[in-house]
């Protein structure tokens, strides 16, 4: 049975844009202040931590699950007209230089 693996990688700026846009559309409450950085975790229930400067010494954080990050990247692809296979199993993978959206397709032979 043939299989296809598609890997779409995202830069730090693209990831930031995708996550902020997703939070706004999904109604996730983001802390007030400037987004300082995004921390990615390879093996955790929290895949991304968005760190905000709250205007004082304490930074505020927004925790995002792998499902949140995946939804953000899929939305980003749709907005940028990057085609994704509808029937593929999709997952997110943290890599040394960023994050990737993995699309796995199994072609059944009838």
N, C-alpha and C. Protein backbone atom coordinates (compact mmCIF):
# COMPACT_ATOMS: atom_id res chain seq x y z
N UNK A 1 0.84 -1.17 0.00
CA UNK A 1 0.00 0.00 0.00
C UNK A 1 0.89 1.25 0.00
N UNK A 2 0.79 2.09 -1.00
CA UNK A 2 1.61 3.30 -1.05
C UNK A 2 1.23 4.28 0.06
N UNK A 3 2.25 5.00 0.51
CA UNK A 3 2.05 6.01 1.55
C UNK A 3 2.76 7.28 1.12
N UNK A 4 2.25 8.39 1.59
CA UNK A 4 2.87 9.68 1.28
C UNK A 4 3.04 10.45 2.59
N UNK A 5 4.18 11.08 2.73
CA UNK A 5 4.47 11.94 3.88
C UNK A 5 4.81 13.32 3.35
N UNK A 6 4.08 14.30 3.79
CA UNK A 6 4.34 15.67 3.38
C UNK A 6 4.71 16.46 4.62
N UNK A 7 5.77 17.25 4.50
CA UNK A 7 6.28 18.02 5.62
C UNK A 7 6.32 19.49 5.21
N UNK A 8 5.59 20.32 5.94
CA UNK A 8 5.55 21.75 5.67
C UNK A 8 6.22 22.44 6.86
N UNK A 9 7.34 23.11 6.61
CA UNK A 9 8.07 23.76 7.71
C UNK A 9 7.72 25.24 7.77
N UNK A 10 7.83 25.80 8.97
CA UNK A 10 7.46 27.18 9.22
C UNK A 10 8.59 27.91 9.92
N UNK A 11 8.83 29.15 9.50
CA UNK A 11 9.83 29.99 10.15
C UNK A 11 9.27 30.49 11.48
N UNK A 12 10.12 31.10 12.28
CA UNK A 12 9.69 31.65 13.56
C UNK A 12 8.64 32.74 13.36
N UNK A 13 8.82 33.58 12.35
CA UNK A 13 7.84 34.64 12.08
C UNK A 13 6.50 34.07 11.63
N UNK A 14 6.54 33.04 10.80
CA UNK A 14 5.30 32.41 10.35
C UNK A 14 4.59 31.72 11.51
N UNK A 15 5.34 31.06 12.36
CA UNK A 15 4.75 30.42 13.54
C UNK A 15 4.10 31.46 14.43
N UNK A 16 4.78 32.56 14.67
CA UNK A 16 4.23 33.62 15.52
C UNK A 16 2.92 34.16 14.92
N UNK A 17 2.93 34.45 13.63
CA UNK A 17 1.73 34.96 12.97
C UNK A 17 0.59 33.94 13.07
N UNK A 18 0.90 32.67 12.86
CA UNK A 18 -0.12 31.62 12.91
C UNK A 18 -0.71 31.50 14.32
N UNK A 19 0.13 31.51 15.34
CA UNK A 19 -0.36 31.35 16.71
C UNK A 19 -1.20 32.54 17.16
N UNK A 20 -0.73 33.75 16.87
CA UNK A 20 -1.50 34.94 17.27
C UNK A 20 -2.85 34.96 16.56
N UNK A 21 -2.85 34.69 15.25
CA UNK A 21 -4.09 34.67 14.49
C UNK A 21 -5.05 33.60 15.02
N UNK A 22 -4.52 32.43 15.34
CA UNK A 22 -5.35 31.35 15.87
C UNK A 22 -5.97 31.75 17.20
N UNK A 23 -5.18 32.34 18.08
CA UNK A 23 -5.71 32.75 19.39
C UNK A 23 -6.83 33.76 19.22
N UNK A 24 -6.67 34.69 18.30
CA UNK A 24 -7.71 35.70 18.07
C UNK A 24 -8.99 35.06 17.53
N UNK A 25 -8.86 34.12 16.58
CA UNK A 25 -10.03 33.47 15.99
C UNK A 25 -10.68 32.45 16.92
N UNK A 26 -9.88 31.81 17.76
CA UNK A 26 -10.41 30.77 18.65
C UNK A 26 -10.91 31.35 19.97
N UNK A 27 -10.75 32.65 20.17
CA UNK A 27 -11.22 33.28 21.39
C UNK A 27 -10.35 33.02 22.60
N UNK A 28 -9.10 32.65 22.37
CA UNK A 28 -8.17 32.43 23.49
C UNK A 28 -7.71 33.80 23.99
N UNK A 29 -7.78 33.98 25.27
CA UNK A 29 -7.41 35.25 25.88
C UNK A 29 -5.89 35.37 25.96
N UNK A 30 -5.34 36.33 25.23
CA UNK A 30 -3.90 36.56 25.26
C UNK A 30 -3.60 37.65 26.28
N UNK A 31 -2.50 37.51 27.02
CA UNK A 31 -2.12 38.56 27.96
C UNK A 31 -1.84 39.87 27.22
N UNK A 32 -2.12 40.97 27.91
CA UNK A 32 -1.81 42.28 27.32
C UNK A 32 -0.29 42.45 27.32
N UNK A 33 0.18 43.15 26.35
CA UNK A 33 1.61 43.39 26.26
C UNK A 33 2.18 42.87 24.95
N UNK A 34 3.47 43.05 24.81
CA UNK A 34 4.18 42.67 23.59
C UNK A 34 4.63 41.21 23.69
N UNK A 35 4.44 40.48 22.61
CA UNK A 35 4.92 39.10 22.55
C UNK A 35 6.43 39.13 22.43
N UNK A 36 7.10 38.56 23.42
CA UNK A 36 8.57 38.59 23.44
C UNK A 36 9.18 37.39 22.73
N UNK A 37 8.63 36.20 23.01
CA UNK A 37 9.21 35.01 22.40
C UNK A 37 8.23 33.85 22.51
N UNK A 38 8.50 32.83 21.70
CA UNK A 38 7.73 31.59 21.75
C UNK A 38 8.69 30.47 22.04
N UNK A 39 8.40 29.73 23.06
CA UNK A 39 9.23 28.59 23.47
C UNK A 39 8.53 27.31 23.02
N UNK A 40 9.25 26.45 22.31
CA UNK A 40 8.69 25.19 21.83
C UNK A 40 9.23 24.03 22.65
N UNK A 41 8.36 23.08 22.96
CA UNK A 41 8.73 21.90 23.73
C UNK A 41 8.48 20.66 22.89
N UNK A 42 9.48 19.79 22.81
CA UNK A 42 9.36 18.57 22.00
C UNK A 42 8.50 17.52 22.68
N UNK A 43 8.68 17.30 23.95
CA UNK A 43 7.98 16.21 24.63
C UNK A 43 7.22 16.77 25.83
N UNK A 44 6.06 17.32 25.54
CA UNK A 44 5.27 17.90 26.61
C UNK A 44 3.83 18.03 26.15
N UNK A 45 2.90 18.07 27.10
CA UNK A 45 1.51 18.33 26.76
C UNK A 45 1.33 19.77 26.31
N UNK A 46 2.24 20.63 26.72
CA UNK A 46 2.26 22.01 26.27
C UNK A 46 3.35 22.13 25.22
N UNK A 47 2.96 22.30 23.96
CA UNK A 47 3.93 22.34 22.88
C UNK A 47 4.57 23.72 22.72
N UNK A 48 3.78 24.77 22.95
CA UNK A 48 4.29 26.13 22.77
C UNK A 48 3.89 26.99 23.97
N UNK A 49 4.82 27.82 24.38
CA UNK A 49 4.56 28.80 25.43
C UNK A 49 4.86 30.17 24.84
N UNK A 50 3.84 31.00 24.80
CA UNK A 50 4.00 32.36 24.30
C UNK A 50 4.28 33.26 25.51
N UNK A 51 5.43 33.92 25.49
CA UNK A 51 5.83 34.79 26.59
C UNK A 51 5.56 36.25 26.21
N UNK A 52 4.80 36.95 27.07
CA UNK A 52 4.45 38.34 26.83
C UNK A 52 5.10 39.23 27.89
N UNK A 53 5.45 40.44 27.48
CA UNK A 53 5.93 41.46 28.41
C UNK A 53 4.69 42.19 28.90
N UNK A 54 4.37 42.00 30.16
CA UNK A 54 3.15 42.58 30.72
C UNK A 54 3.35 44.01 31.18
N UNK A 55 4.49 44.61 30.88
CA UNK A 55 4.74 45.97 31.28
C UNK A 55 5.35 46.10 32.66
N UNK A 56 5.64 44.97 33.28
CA UNK A 56 6.32 44.98 34.57
C UNK A 56 7.36 43.87 34.57
N UNK A 57 7.91 43.58 35.72
CA UNK A 57 8.99 42.59 35.80
C UNK A 57 8.50 41.17 35.52
N UNK A 58 7.21 40.92 35.68
CA UNK A 58 6.69 39.56 35.50
C UNK A 58 6.12 39.40 34.09
N UNK A 59 6.61 38.41 33.37
CA UNK A 59 6.07 38.10 32.05
C UNK A 59 4.83 37.24 32.22
N UNK A 60 3.89 37.44 31.33
CA UNK A 60 2.70 36.59 31.30
C UNK A 60 2.92 35.53 30.24
N UNK A 61 2.30 34.38 30.43
CA UNK A 61 2.48 33.26 29.50
C UNK A 61 1.12 32.76 29.01
N UNK A 62 1.11 32.26 27.79
CA UNK A 62 -0.04 31.58 27.24
C UNK A 62 0.44 30.21 26.78
N UNK A 63 -0.16 29.15 27.32
CA UNK A 63 0.24 27.78 27.02
C UNK A 63 -0.64 27.22 25.90
N UNK A 64 -0.01 26.57 24.92
CA UNK A 64 -0.74 26.01 23.79
C UNK A 64 -0.40 24.52 23.64
N UNK A 65 -1.43 23.73 23.40
CA UNK A 65 -1.27 22.29 23.23
C UNK A 65 -0.83 21.99 21.80
N UNK A 66 -0.42 20.76 21.53
CA UNK A 66 -0.12 20.37 20.14
C UNK A 66 -1.33 20.55 19.21
N UNK A 67 -2.53 20.33 19.73
CA UNK A 67 -3.73 20.52 18.94
C UNK A 67 -3.91 21.99 18.56
N UNK A 68 -3.63 22.90 19.51
CA UNK A 68 -3.70 24.34 19.22
C UNK A 68 -2.70 24.73 18.13
N UNK A 69 -1.48 24.25 18.27
CA UNK A 69 -0.43 24.59 17.30
C UNK A 69 -0.79 24.02 15.93
N UNK A 70 -1.28 22.79 15.89
CA UNK A 70 -1.68 22.19 14.62
C UNK A 70 -2.81 22.97 13.95
N UNK A 71 -3.81 23.35 14.73
CA UNK A 71 -4.93 24.13 14.18
C UNK A 71 -4.44 25.47 13.66
N UNK A 72 -3.51 26.09 14.37
CA UNK A 72 -2.96 27.38 13.94
C UNK A 72 -2.22 27.24 12.62
N UNK A 73 -1.44 26.18 12.47
CA UNK A 73 -0.67 25.99 11.24
C UNK A 73 -1.57 25.64 10.06
N UNK A 74 -2.60 24.85 10.30
CA UNK A 74 -3.55 24.52 9.25
C UNK A 74 -4.28 25.78 8.78
N UNK A 75 -4.72 26.61 9.73
CA UNK A 75 -5.38 27.87 9.38
C UNK A 75 -4.44 28.77 8.57
N UNK A 76 -3.17 28.82 9.00
CA UNK A 76 -2.18 29.63 8.29
C UNK A 76 -2.03 29.15 6.85
N UNK A 77 -1.97 27.83 6.66
CA UNK A 77 -1.84 27.28 5.31
C UNK A 77 -3.04 27.64 4.45
N UNK A 78 -4.23 27.55 5.02
CA UNK A 78 -5.44 27.91 4.27
C UNK A 78 -5.40 29.38 3.86
N UNK A 79 -5.00 30.26 4.78
CA UNK A 79 -4.96 31.68 4.48
C UNK A 79 -3.89 32.02 3.44
N UNK A 80 -2.80 31.27 3.42
CA UNK A 80 -1.72 31.50 2.47
C UNK A 80 -1.90 30.70 1.19
N UNK A 81 -3.00 29.99 1.10
CA UNK A 81 -3.31 29.14 -0.06
C UNK A 81 -2.26 28.06 -0.29
N UNK A 82 -1.79 27.49 0.80
CA UNK A 82 -0.87 26.35 0.73
C UNK A 82 -1.74 25.10 0.78
N UNK A 83 -1.77 24.31 -0.27
CA UNK A 83 -2.67 23.16 -0.29
C UNK A 83 -2.23 22.07 0.70
N UNK A 84 -3.22 21.55 1.40
CA UNK A 84 -3.00 20.43 2.31
C UNK A 84 -3.97 19.31 1.95
N UNK A 85 -3.53 18.07 1.96
CA UNK A 85 -4.43 16.97 1.66
C UNK A 85 -5.50 16.82 2.74
N UNK A 86 -6.74 16.89 2.35
CA UNK A 86 -7.86 16.87 3.29
C UNK A 86 -7.92 15.58 4.11
N UNK A 87 -7.65 14.45 3.45
CA UNK A 87 -7.80 13.15 4.12
C UNK A 87 -6.56 12.70 4.89
N UNK A 88 -5.56 13.53 4.94
CA UNK A 88 -4.31 13.14 5.61
C UNK A 88 -4.45 13.23 7.13
N UNK A 89 -3.73 12.36 7.81
CA UNK A 89 -3.57 12.50 9.26
C UNK A 89 -2.52 13.58 9.45
N UNK A 90 -2.82 14.55 10.29
CA UNK A 90 -1.92 15.68 10.46
C UNK A 90 -1.39 15.71 11.88
N UNK A 91 -0.13 16.11 12.00
CA UNK A 91 0.50 16.25 13.30
C UNK A 91 1.56 17.33 13.24
N UNK A 92 2.00 17.75 14.40
CA UNK A 92 3.00 18.81 14.49
C UNK A 92 4.26 18.24 15.11
N UNK A 93 5.38 18.66 14.57
CA UNK A 93 6.68 18.16 15.04
C UNK A 93 7.59 19.35 15.29
N UNK A 94 8.16 19.42 16.50
CA UNK A 94 9.14 20.46 16.83
C UNK A 94 10.49 19.99 16.34
N UNK A 95 11.17 20.87 15.63
CA UNK A 95 12.50 20.56 15.10
C UNK A 95 13.50 21.59 15.63
N UNK A 96 14.77 21.34 15.38
CA UNK A 96 15.81 22.23 15.87
C UNK A 96 15.65 23.66 15.35
N UNK A 97 15.21 23.79 14.12
CA UNK A 97 15.11 25.12 13.52
C UNK A 97 13.68 25.65 13.43
N UNK A 98 12.74 25.03 14.12
CA UNK A 98 11.36 25.52 14.11
C UNK A 98 10.35 24.42 14.31
N UNK A 99 9.27 24.51 13.55
CA UNK A 99 8.19 23.55 13.69
C UNK A 99 7.73 23.13 12.30
N UNK A 100 7.20 21.90 12.20
CA UNK A 100 6.74 21.36 10.92
C UNK A 100 5.37 20.75 11.09
N UNK A 101 4.54 20.91 10.07
CA UNK A 101 3.25 20.26 10.01
C UNK A 101 3.43 19.01 9.14
N UNK A 102 3.16 17.86 9.71
CA UNK A 102 3.34 16.58 9.01
C UNK A 102 1.98 16.08 8.55
N UNK A 103 1.90 15.70 7.27
CA UNK A 103 0.67 15.18 6.68
C UNK A 103 0.97 13.77 6.17
N UNK A 104 0.26 12.79 6.72
CA UNK A 104 0.46 11.39 6.34
C UNK A 104 -0.77 10.87 5.58
N UNK A 105 -0.53 10.35 4.39
CA UNK A 105 -1.59 9.79 3.57
C UNK A 105 -1.32 8.33 3.30
N UNK A 106 -2.32 7.49 3.51
CA UNK A 106 -2.24 6.07 3.14
C UNK A 106 -3.17 5.86 1.96
N UNK A 107 -2.61 5.38 0.86
CA UNK A 107 -3.41 5.11 -0.32
C UNK A 107 -3.79 3.64 -0.32
N UNK A 108 -5.05 3.39 -0.04
CA UNK A 108 -5.53 2.02 -0.03
C UNK A 108 -5.69 1.49 -1.43
N UNK A 109 -5.36 0.23 -1.63
CA UNK A 109 -5.52 -0.41 -2.93
C UNK A 109 -6.78 -1.24 -2.87
N UNK A 110 -7.72 -0.94 -3.74
CA UNK A 110 -8.99 -1.69 -3.75
C UNK A 110 -8.95 -2.84 -4.69
